[in-house]
């Protein structure tokens, strides 16, 4: 992969990690890893993936701001100790 692809990949992961909510965060990261892994196997998809994730990056950045404004509390998966 060339530098522009890696830069976009790292930017998507960084933006995805900004979500406070576990589900949003893991979804963005999982999708990016899956698509970029597929790109590694099939380099012909480079333009398609680059276009898609250039747009997705802006969407993810906007959504992190909106979602974090209304974030209430950690999900049960993120809580360190569960009391029974």
N, C-alpha and C. Protein backbone atom coordinates (compact mmCIF):
# COMPACT_ATOMS: atom_id res chain seq x y z
N UNK A 1 0.85 -1.19 0.00
CA UNK A 1 0.00 0.00 0.00
C UNK A 1 0.89 1.24 0.00
N UNK A 2 0.42 2.26 -0.67
CA UNK A 2 1.22 3.48 -0.71
C UNK A 2 0.88 4.39 0.47
N UNK A 3 1.61 5.49 0.57
CA UNK A 3 1.50 6.37 1.72
C UNK A 3 0.12 7.01 1.86
N UNK A 4 -0.49 7.37 0.75
CA UNK A 4 -1.80 8.02 0.82
C UNK A 4 -2.86 7.08 1.38
N UNK A 5 -2.77 5.81 1.03
CA UNK A 5 -3.72 4.81 1.54
C UNK A 5 -3.51 4.61 3.03
N UNK A 6 -2.25 4.48 3.45
CA UNK A 6 -1.96 4.30 4.87
C UNK A 6 -2.37 5.51 5.69
N UNK A 7 -2.16 6.69 5.13
CA UNK A 7 -2.53 7.92 5.83
C UNK A 7 -4.05 7.97 6.03
N UNK A 8 -4.80 7.63 5.00
CA UNK A 8 -6.26 7.61 5.10
C UNK A 8 -6.72 6.56 6.11
N UNK A 9 -6.10 5.39 6.07
CA UNK A 9 -6.44 4.30 7.00
C UNK A 9 -6.21 4.74 8.45
N UNK A 10 -5.07 5.33 8.71
CA UNK A 10 -4.76 5.79 10.07
C UNK A 10 -5.72 6.91 10.50
N UNK A 11 -6.08 7.77 9.57
CA UNK A 11 -7.02 8.85 9.89
C UNK A 11 -8.39 8.31 10.25
N UNK A 12 -8.84 7.30 9.52
CA UNK A 12 -10.14 6.67 9.83
C UNK A 12 -10.09 6.02 11.20
N UNK A 13 -9.03 5.29 11.49
CA UNK A 13 -8.91 4.64 12.80
C UNK A 13 -8.86 5.67 13.92
N UNK A 14 -8.12 6.74 13.71
CA UNK A 14 -8.02 7.80 14.71
C UNK A 14 -9.38 8.46 14.95
N UNK A 15 -10.09 8.74 13.87
CA UNK A 15 -11.41 9.35 13.98
C UNK A 15 -12.39 8.39 14.66
N UNK A 16 -12.32 7.12 14.33
CA UNK A 16 -13.19 6.13 14.95
C UNK A 16 -12.94 5.99 16.43
N UNK A 17 -11.69 6.13 16.84
CA UNK A 17 -11.35 6.03 18.26
C UNK A 17 -11.84 7.22 19.07
N UNK A 18 -12.29 8.27 18.41
CA UNK A 18 -12.80 9.44 19.11
C UNK A 18 -14.21 9.23 19.67
N UNK A 19 -14.91 8.22 19.18
CA UNK A 19 -16.25 7.94 19.70
C UNK A 19 -16.15 7.48 21.14
N UNK A 20 -17.00 8.02 21.99
CA UNK A 20 -17.06 7.56 23.38
C UNK A 20 -17.83 6.26 23.48
N UNK A 21 -18.80 6.07 22.62
CA UNK A 21 -19.63 4.87 22.66
C UNK A 21 -18.90 3.69 22.03
N UNK A 22 -18.87 2.60 22.75
CA UNK A 22 -18.18 1.38 22.33
C UNK A 22 -18.67 0.88 20.98
N UNK A 23 -19.98 0.82 20.80
CA UNK A 23 -20.56 0.25 19.58
C UNK A 23 -20.19 1.05 18.33
N UNK A 24 -20.30 2.37 18.41
CA UNK A 24 -19.92 3.21 17.27
C UNK A 24 -18.43 3.05 16.97
N UNK A 25 -17.63 3.13 18.03
CA UNK A 25 -16.18 3.05 17.88
C UNK A 25 -15.75 1.74 17.21
N UNK A 26 -16.25 0.63 17.73
CA UNK A 26 -15.86 -0.67 17.20
C UNK A 26 -16.39 -0.90 15.78
N UNK A 27 -17.56 -0.37 15.49
CA UNK A 27 -18.12 -0.52 14.15
C UNK A 27 -17.23 0.16 13.10
N UNK A 28 -16.85 1.40 13.37
CA UNK A 28 -16.03 2.15 12.41
C UNK A 28 -14.68 1.47 12.22
N UNK A 29 -14.08 1.06 13.31
CA UNK A 29 -12.77 0.41 13.24
C UNK A 29 -12.86 -0.93 12.50
N UNK A 30 -13.88 -1.71 12.82
CA UNK A 30 -14.04 -3.02 12.19
C UNK A 30 -14.25 -2.89 10.68
N UNK A 31 -15.11 -1.95 10.27
CA UNK A 31 -15.37 -1.75 8.84
C UNK A 31 -14.13 -1.29 8.10
N UNK A 32 -13.38 -0.36 8.70
CA UNK A 32 -12.17 0.13 8.05
C UNK A 32 -11.15 -0.99 7.89
N UNK A 33 -10.94 -1.74 8.95
CA UNK A 33 -9.98 -2.85 8.86
C UNK A 33 -10.39 -3.85 7.80
N UNK A 34 -11.66 -4.16 7.76
CA UNK A 34 -12.17 -5.13 6.79
C UNK A 34 -11.95 -4.64 5.36
N UNK A 35 -12.32 -3.40 5.08
CA UNK A 35 -12.19 -2.87 3.72
C UNK A 35 -10.74 -2.70 3.29
N UNK A 36 -9.89 -2.23 4.20
CA UNK A 36 -8.50 -2.04 3.84
C UNK A 36 -7.76 -3.37 3.73
N UNK A 37 -8.19 -4.38 4.48
CA UNK A 37 -7.63 -5.72 4.33
C UNK A 37 -7.98 -6.28 2.95
N UNK A 38 -9.20 -6.02 2.53
CA UNK A 38 -9.64 -6.45 1.19
C UNK A 38 -8.84 -5.72 0.11
N UNK A 39 -8.53 -4.46 0.36
CA UNK A 39 -7.73 -3.68 -0.59
C UNK A 39 -6.33 -4.28 -0.74
N UNK A 40 -5.80 -4.78 0.36
CA UNK A 40 -4.48 -5.41 0.32
C UNK A 40 -4.48 -6.64 -0.59
N UNK A 41 -5.59 -7.38 -0.56
CA UNK A 41 -5.72 -8.59 -1.38
C UNK A 41 -5.98 -8.22 -2.84
N UNK A 42 -6.82 -7.20 -3.06
CA UNK A 42 -7.22 -6.82 -4.41
C UNK A 42 -6.89 -5.34 -4.64
N UNK A 43 -5.67 -5.01 -5.07
CA UNK A 43 -5.25 -3.62 -5.26
C UNK A 43 -6.05 -2.85 -6.32
N UNK A 44 -6.81 -3.55 -7.14
CA UNK A 44 -7.62 -2.88 -8.16
C UNK A 44 -8.72 -2.02 -7.55
N UNK A 45 -9.04 -2.28 -6.29
CA UNK A 45 -10.10 -1.53 -5.61
C UNK A 45 -9.61 -0.22 -5.01
N UNK A 46 -8.36 0.14 -5.24
CA UNK A 46 -7.77 1.30 -4.57
C UNK A 46 -8.59 2.57 -4.75
N UNK A 47 -8.92 2.92 -5.98
CA UNK A 47 -9.66 4.16 -6.23
C UNK A 47 -11.03 4.13 -5.56
N UNK A 48 -11.67 2.99 -5.62
CA UNK A 48 -12.99 2.84 -5.02
C UNK A 48 -12.93 3.03 -3.50
N UNK A 49 -11.98 2.37 -2.86
CA UNK A 49 -11.83 2.45 -1.41
C UNK A 49 -11.39 3.85 -0.99
N UNK A 50 -10.48 4.45 -1.73
CA UNK A 50 -10.02 5.80 -1.41
C UNK A 50 -11.16 6.81 -1.48
N UNK A 51 -11.97 6.73 -2.53
CA UNK A 51 -13.12 7.64 -2.66
C UNK A 51 -14.10 7.43 -1.52
N UNK A 52 -14.41 6.17 -1.24
CA UNK A 52 -15.37 5.85 -0.19
C UNK A 52 -14.90 6.38 1.16
N UNK A 53 -13.66 6.11 1.53
CA UNK A 53 -13.19 6.47 2.86
C UNK A 53 -12.79 7.94 2.99
N UNK A 54 -12.55 8.61 1.88
CA UNK A 54 -12.35 10.06 1.96
C UNK A 54 -13.67 10.71 2.40
N UNK A 55 -14.77 10.24 1.84
CA UNK A 55 -16.09 10.74 2.23
C UNK A 55 -16.45 10.26 3.64
N UNK A 56 -16.17 8.99 3.92
CA UNK A 56 -16.48 8.42 5.23
C UNK A 56 -15.75 9.13 6.35
N UNK A 57 -14.53 9.56 6.10
CA UNK A 57 -13.75 10.25 7.12
C UNK A 57 -14.46 11.51 7.59
N UNK A 58 -14.98 12.28 6.66
CA UNK A 58 -15.72 13.49 7.03
C UNK A 58 -16.99 13.15 7.80
N UNK A 59 -17.68 12.12 7.38
CA UNK A 59 -18.90 11.69 8.07
C UNK A 59 -18.57 11.25 9.50
N UNK A 60 -17.53 10.46 9.65
CA UNK A 60 -17.15 9.96 10.97
C UNK A 60 -16.76 11.13 11.87
N UNK A 61 -16.02 12.08 11.35
CA UNK A 61 -15.63 13.25 12.16
C UNK A 61 -16.86 14.03 12.63
N UNK A 62 -17.82 14.24 11.74
CA UNK A 62 -19.04 14.95 12.13
C UNK A 62 -19.83 14.15 13.16
N UNK A 63 -19.95 12.85 12.92
CA UNK A 63 -20.73 12.01 13.82
C UNK A 63 -20.10 11.90 15.21
N UNK A 64 -18.78 11.93 15.29
CA UNK A 64 -18.16 11.87 16.62
C UNK A 64 -18.53 13.10 17.43
N UNK A 65 -18.56 14.23 16.78
CA UNK A 65 -18.93 15.46 17.49
C UNK A 65 -20.37 15.37 17.98
N UNK A 66 -21.28 15.00 17.10
CA UNK A 66 -22.70 14.92 17.47
C UNK A 66 -22.94 13.85 18.53
N UNK A 67 -22.39 12.67 18.32
CA UNK A 67 -22.62 11.56 19.25
C UNK A 67 -22.02 11.87 20.61
N UNK A 68 -20.85 12.47 20.65
CA UNK A 68 -20.21 12.77 21.93
C UNK A 68 -20.93 13.88 22.68
N UNK A 69 -21.67 14.74 21.98
CA UNK A 69 -22.46 15.76 22.66
C UNK A 69 -23.57 15.14 23.49
N UNK A 70 -24.13 14.05 23.02
CA UNK A 70 -25.28 13.43 23.67
C UNK A 70 -24.93 12.13 24.38
N UNK A 71 -23.66 11.86 24.55
CA UNK A 71 -23.21 10.63 25.20
C UNK A 71 -23.59 10.67 26.68
N UNK A 72 -24.15 9.58 27.19
CA UNK A 72 -24.63 9.58 28.57
C UNK A 72 -23.72 8.80 29.52
N UNK A 73 -23.45 7.55 29.23
CA UNK A 73 -22.61 6.76 30.13
C UNK A 73 -22.00 5.59 29.39
N UNK A 74 -21.06 4.94 30.05
CA UNK A 74 -20.42 3.77 29.45
C UNK A 74 -21.41 2.62 29.34
N UNK A 75 -21.23 1.83 28.30
CA UNK A 75 -22.06 0.63 28.16
C UNK A 75 -21.55 -0.42 29.14
N UNK A 76 -22.31 -1.47 29.29
CA UNK A 76 -21.93 -2.51 30.24
C UNK A 76 -20.62 -3.18 29.83
N UNK A 77 -20.31 -3.19 28.54
CA UNK A 77 -19.06 -3.77 28.07
C UNK A 77 -17.85 -2.95 28.48
N UNK A 78 -18.05 -1.66 28.68
CA UNK A 78 -16.94 -0.78 29.03
C UNK A 78 -16.74 -0.62 30.53
N UNK A 79 -17.71 -1.01 31.31
CA UNK A 79 -17.59 -0.87 32.75
C UNK A 79 -16.56 -1.84 33.28
N UNK A 80 -15.72 -1.35 34.17
CA UNK A 80 -14.61 -2.16 34.68
C UNK A 80 -15.09 -3.26 35.62
N UNK A 81 -16.03 -2.93 36.49
CA UNK A 81 -16.51 -3.92 37.45
C UNK A 81 -18.02 -4.01 37.36
N UNK A 82 -18.50 -5.22 37.28
CA UNK A 82 -19.94 -5.45 37.29
C UNK A 82 -20.32 -5.97 38.67
N UNK A 83 -21.36 -5.41 39.23
CA UNK A 83 -21.83 -5.91 40.53
C UNK A 83 -23.04 -6.78 40.30
N UNK A 84 -23.06 -7.89 40.98
CA UNK A 84 -24.17 -8.84 40.82
C UNK A 84 -24.97 -8.87 42.09
